Amino acid sequence: MGIRDIRAVLFDMDGTLVDSDAAVERAWTVWAGEYGVPVADVLAIAHGSPAESTVDRMRPDLPAEERATAAARQLELQYDDLSDVTATPGAVEVLGVLDQLGLPWAVVTSADNRLAKVRLAAAGIEPRVLVTVEDISRGKPDPEGYLHAADLLGVPPAYCLVVEDAEVGLAAGHAAGAVTAGLKGLAADIQLTDLHQLADLLAAARTGSTDLTAR
């Protein structure tokens, strides 16, 4: 399966389409102080994972109800922290290329619906299909989110490209049976320096094929 066989692209949000790393780390830093957890330990696993999963791993000693409250608190810290949230380099370009090629795309995120919408709006990105942690029962690294997005787009997972900047997300994409593209030096089927490169790859794949969606 190569880039010319791709019929849809499924993007992670934070760190992939939206540069929100600083906001994510600020929220987890405050949360770690409130819940008595070493900041370095939290930041080592938080990126790309649902808040609930990170809280479960950091404070397994808390009763389930208190862990749910702790996860909600972490998300609260992020909702209004949008001062430096923007589109990642190449994000607008690659989405434009996909629209030109007629390839559908979706965003699959570990954020909840409220956070996803405010961050995407801050970055100037309006996905037609958005899958958040509230739309599924199991978050990344489980493939459910990517499988759901592929189903909504009407494209078999094997013909989808999952673009991620976190190992848990790449694991989810791989488990879904999709082709994976990794940012930030992560191992994947396709390794990307940034989304400008993905835009170039998709545009180049069009050469010699008038309709990528027909493969």
Protein backbone atom coordinates (compact mmCIF):
# COMPACT_ATOMS: atom_id res chain seq x y z
CA MET A 1 0.00 0.00 0.00
CA GLY A 2 1.55 3.31 -1.08
CA ILE A 3 0.68 6.98 -0.86
CA ARG A 4 -1.03 6.79 -4.28
CA ASP A 5 -3.46 4.22 -2.90
CA ILE A 6 -4.70 6.49 -0.11
CA ARG A 7 -8.38 7.41 -0.33
CA ALA A 8 -8.69 9.40 2.92
CA VAL A 9 -6.48 11.00 5.55
CA LEU A 10 -7.17 10.84 9.28
CA PHE A 11 -5.35 13.44 11.35
CA ASP A 12 -4.63 13.60 15.03
CA MET A 13 -5.27 17.11 16.38
CA ASP A 14 -2.86 18.24 19.12
CA GLY A 15 0.70 18.41 17.86
CA THR A 16 -0.32 17.26 14.38
CA LEU A 17 -2.77 19.76 12.90
CA VAL A 18 -2.82 22.11 15.87
CA ASP A 19 0.24 23.44 17.67
CA SER A 20 -1.01 23.25 21.24
CA ASP A 21 1.91 21.52 22.92
CA ALA A 22 2.67 24.48 25.20
CA ALA A 23 -0.96 24.75 26.32
CA VAL A 24 -1.17 21.01 26.95
CA GLU A 25 1.99 21.07 29.05
CA ARG A 26 0.89 24.14 31.02
CA ALA A 27 -2.37 22.41 31.93
CA TRP A 28 -0.71 19.17 32.96
CA THR A 29 1.91 21.06 34.97
CA VAL A 30 -0.78 22.81 37.02
CA TRP A 31 -2.72 19.57 37.37
CA ALA A 32 0.38 17.68 38.55
CA GLY A 33 0.92 20.26 41.28
CA GLU A 34 -2.68 19.96 42.43
CA TYR A 35 -2.63 16.16 42.49
CA GLY A 36 0.86 15.60 43.85
CA VAL A 37 2.35 13.97 40.77
CA PRO A 38 5.86 14.66 39.38
CA VAL A 39 5.47 16.90 36.34
CA ALA A 40 8.07 14.99 34.31
CA ASP A 41 6.20 11.72 34.84
CA VAL A 42 2.94 13.21 33.58
CA LEU A 43 4.44 14.92 30.54
CA ALA A 44 6.21 11.71 29.55
CA ILE A 45 2.87 10.00 28.83
CA ALA A 46 0.24 12.72 28.46
CA HIS A 47 0.68 13.75 24.83
CA GLY A 48 -1.83 12.03 22.57
CA SER A 49 -3.58 10.10 25.33
CA PRO A 50 -7.06 10.79 26.73
CA ALA A 51 -6.98 12.66 30.02
CA GLU A 52 -8.74 9.76 31.72
CA SER A 53 -6.02 7.31 30.69
CA THR A 54 -3.25 9.56 31.98
CA VAL A 55 -5.05 10.17 35.26
CA ASP A 56 -5.64 6.43 35.69
CA ARG A 57 -1.93 5.78 35.28
CA MET A 58 -0.78 8.66 37.47
CA ARG A 59 -3.27 8.25 40.35
CA PRO A 60 -4.51 4.62 40.34
CA ASP A 61 -4.95 4.97 44.10
CA LEU A 62 -7.95 7.28 43.69
CA PRO A 63 -11.49 5.88 43.60
CA ALA A 64 -13.04 5.84 40.12
CA GLU A 65 -15.27 8.84 40.86
CA GLU A 66 -12.31 10.93 42.01
CA ARG A 67 -10.29 9.95 38.94
CA ALA A 68 -13.15 11.14 36.73
CA THR A 69 -13.17 14.44 38.62
CA ALA A 70 -9.40 14.73 38.21
CA ALA A 71 -9.67 14.17 34.44
CA ALA A 72 -12.42 16.78 34.18
CA ARG A 73 -10.24 19.22 36.11
CA GLN A 74 -7.37 18.69 33.67
CA LEU A 75 -9.61 19.48 30.70
CA GLU A 76 -10.96 22.55 32.49
CA LEU A 77 -7.44 23.93 32.66
CA GLN A 78 -7.18 23.71 28.86
CA TYR A 79 -10.48 25.15 27.62
CA ASP A 80 -9.56 28.83 27.84
CA ASP A 81 -5.81 28.55 27.31
CA LEU A 82 -5.68 29.44 23.61
CA SER A 83 -3.23 32.34 23.55
CA ASP A 84 -0.56 30.53 21.54
CA VAL A 85 -2.65 27.81 19.88
CA THR A 86 -2.25 27.88 16.09
CA ALA A 87 -2.10 25.63 13.04
CA THR A 88 1.09 23.59 12.73
CA PRO A 89 3.48 24.29 9.83
CA GLY A 90 1.97 22.92 6.64
CA ALA A 91 -1.44 22.13 8.13
CA VAL A 92 -3.41 24.63 6.05
CA GLU A 93 -1.39 23.67 2.97
CA VAL A 94 -1.99 19.92 3.26
CA LEU A 95 -5.72 20.38 3.88
CA GLY A 96 -5.88 22.57 0.78
CA VAL A 97 -4.12 19.88 -1.27
CA LEU A 98 -6.55 17.24 -0.01
CA ASP A 99 -9.50 19.40 -1.01
CA GLN A 100 -7.98 19.97 -4.45
CA LEU A 101 -7.48 16.23 -4.91
CA GLY A 102 -10.98 15.43 -3.71
CA LEU A 103 -9.65 13.27 -0.88
CA PRO A 104 -11.79 13.29 2.30
CA TRP A 105 -10.16 13.88 5.67
CA ALA A 106 -11.12 13.78 9.33
CA VAL A 107 -9.74 14.72 12.72
CA VAL A 108 -9.50 12.04 15.42
CA THR A 109 -8.53 13.41 18.82
CA SER A 110 -8.20 12.36 22.43
CA ALA A 111 -9.69 15.71 23.44
CA ASP A 112 -13.35 16.10 24.30
CA ASN A 113 -15.75 17.84 21.94
CA ARG A 114 -15.55 21.26 23.60
CA LEU A 115 -11.76 21.37 23.66
CA ALA A 116 -11.43 20.04 20.12
CA LYS A 117 -13.76 22.67 18.71
CA VAL A 118 -12.14 25.64 20.44
CA ARG A 119 -8.61 24.53 19.50
CA LEU A 120 -9.50 23.82 15.88
CA ALA A 121 -11.27 27.18 15.66
CA ALA A 122 -8.21 28.92 17.11
CA ALA A 123 -6.13 27.26 14.39
CA GLY A 124 -8.60 28.18 11.64
CA ILE A 125 -9.39 24.55 10.82
CA GLU A 126 -12.95 23.32 10.16
CA PRO A 127 -13.15 19.55 9.70
CA ARG A 128 -16.28 18.09 8.15
CA VAL A 129 -15.72 14.96 10.25
CA LEU A 130 -14.52 15.20 13.85
CA VAL A 131 -14.19 12.22 16.19
CA THR A 132 -13.50 13.07 19.82
CA VAL A 133 -13.08 10.96 22.93
CA GLU A 134 -16.80 11.45 23.57
CA ASP A 135 -17.71 9.61 20.37
CA ILE A 136 -16.02 6.36 21.34
CA SER A 137 -15.77 4.01 24.30
CA ARG A 138 -12.01 3.37 24.14
CA GLY A 139 -9.36 5.99 23.43
CA LYS A 140 -5.94 5.72 21.81
CA PRO A 141 -4.01 3.40 21.56
CA ASP A 142 -7.24 1.50 20.87
CA PRO A 143 -8.13 1.82 17.16
CA GLU A 144 -11.81 2.59 17.75
CA GLY A 145 -11.52 6.31 16.97
CA TYR A 146 -9.77 5.76 13.66
CA LEU A 147 -12.09 2.92 12.69
CA HIS A 148 -15.07 5.16 13.44
CA ALA A 149 -13.66 8.00 11.35
CA ALA A 150 -12.96 5.68 8.41
CA ASP A 151 -16.53 4.40 8.65
CA LEU A 152 -17.93 7.94 8.67
CA LEU A 153 -15.91 8.76 5.55
CA GLY A 154 -16.95 5.51 3.88
CA VAL A 155 -13.35 4.45 3.23
CA PRO A 156 -11.88 1.07 4.30
CA PRO A 157 -9.20 1.59 7.00
CA ALA A 158 -6.56 -0.06 4.80
CA TYR A 159 -6.95 2.84 2.35
CA CYS A 160 -6.66 5.51 5.05
CA LEU A 161 -3.52 7.39 6.07
CA VAL A 162 -3.29 8.12 9.80
CA VAL A 163 -1.09 11.12 10.60
CA GLU A 164 0.18 11.31 14.18
CA ASP A 165 2.81 12.88 16.42
CA ALA A 166 2.46 10.48 19.37
CA GLU A 167 3.28 6.80 19.77
CA VAL A 168 -0.13 5.96 21.22
CA GLY A 169 -1.79 7.47 18.16
CA LEU A 170 0.45 5.60 15.75
CA ALA A 171 -0.33 2.40 17.66
CA ALA A 172 -4.03 3.15 17.20
CA GLY A 173 -3.58 3.76 13.47
CA HIS A 174 -1.57 0.59 13.06
CA ALA A 175 -4.16 -1.44 14.97
CA ALA A 176 -6.87 -0.02 12.73
CA GLY A 177 -5.03 -1.44 9.73
CA ALA A 178 -4.27 1.98 8.25
CA VAL A 179 -1.09 3.29 6.67
CA THR A 180 0.67 5.49 9.24
CA ALA A 181 2.66 8.70 8.93
CA GLY A 182 4.72 9.85 11.90
CA LEU A 183 5.91 13.32 12.84
CA LYS A 184 8.63 14.32 15.32
CA GLY A 185 10.95 11.48 14.32
CA LEU A 186 8.53 8.70 15.27
CA ALA A 187 8.76 5.41 13.40
CA ALA A 188 5.87 4.85 10.98
CA ASP A 189 5.17 3.63 7.47
CA ILE A 190 5.95 7.17 6.31
CA GLN A 191 8.19 9.48 8.34
CA LEU A 192 7.46 13.19 8.02
CA THR A 193 9.48 16.24 8.96
CA ASP A 194 6.30 18.36 8.81
CA LEU A 195 2.98 18.62 7.01
CA HIS A 196 4.54 20.60 4.16
CA GLN A 197 6.27 17.35 3.24
CA LEU A 198 2.98 15.44 3.33
CA ALA A 199 1.39 18.05 1.07
CA ASP A 200 4.25 17.58 -1.40
CA LEU A 201 3.96 13.77 -1.26
CA LEU A 202 0.22 13.84 -1.90
CA ALA A 203 0.57 16.33 -4.76
CA ALA A 204 3.39 14.32 -6.33
CA ALA A 205 1.35 11.12 -6.05
CA ARG A 206 -1.23 12.74 -8.28
CA THR A 207 1.27 12.88 -11.11
CA GLY A 208 0.43 10.08 -13.53
CA SER A 209 -2.95 9.45 -11.91
CA THR A 210 -5.94 11.68 -12.62
CA ASP A 211 -8.01 10.30 -9.75
CA LEU A 212 -6.38 9.06 -6.55
CA THR A 213 -9.75 8.05 -5.12
CA ALA A 214 -10.31 5.49 -7.86
CA ARG A 215 -7.46 3.19 -6.81
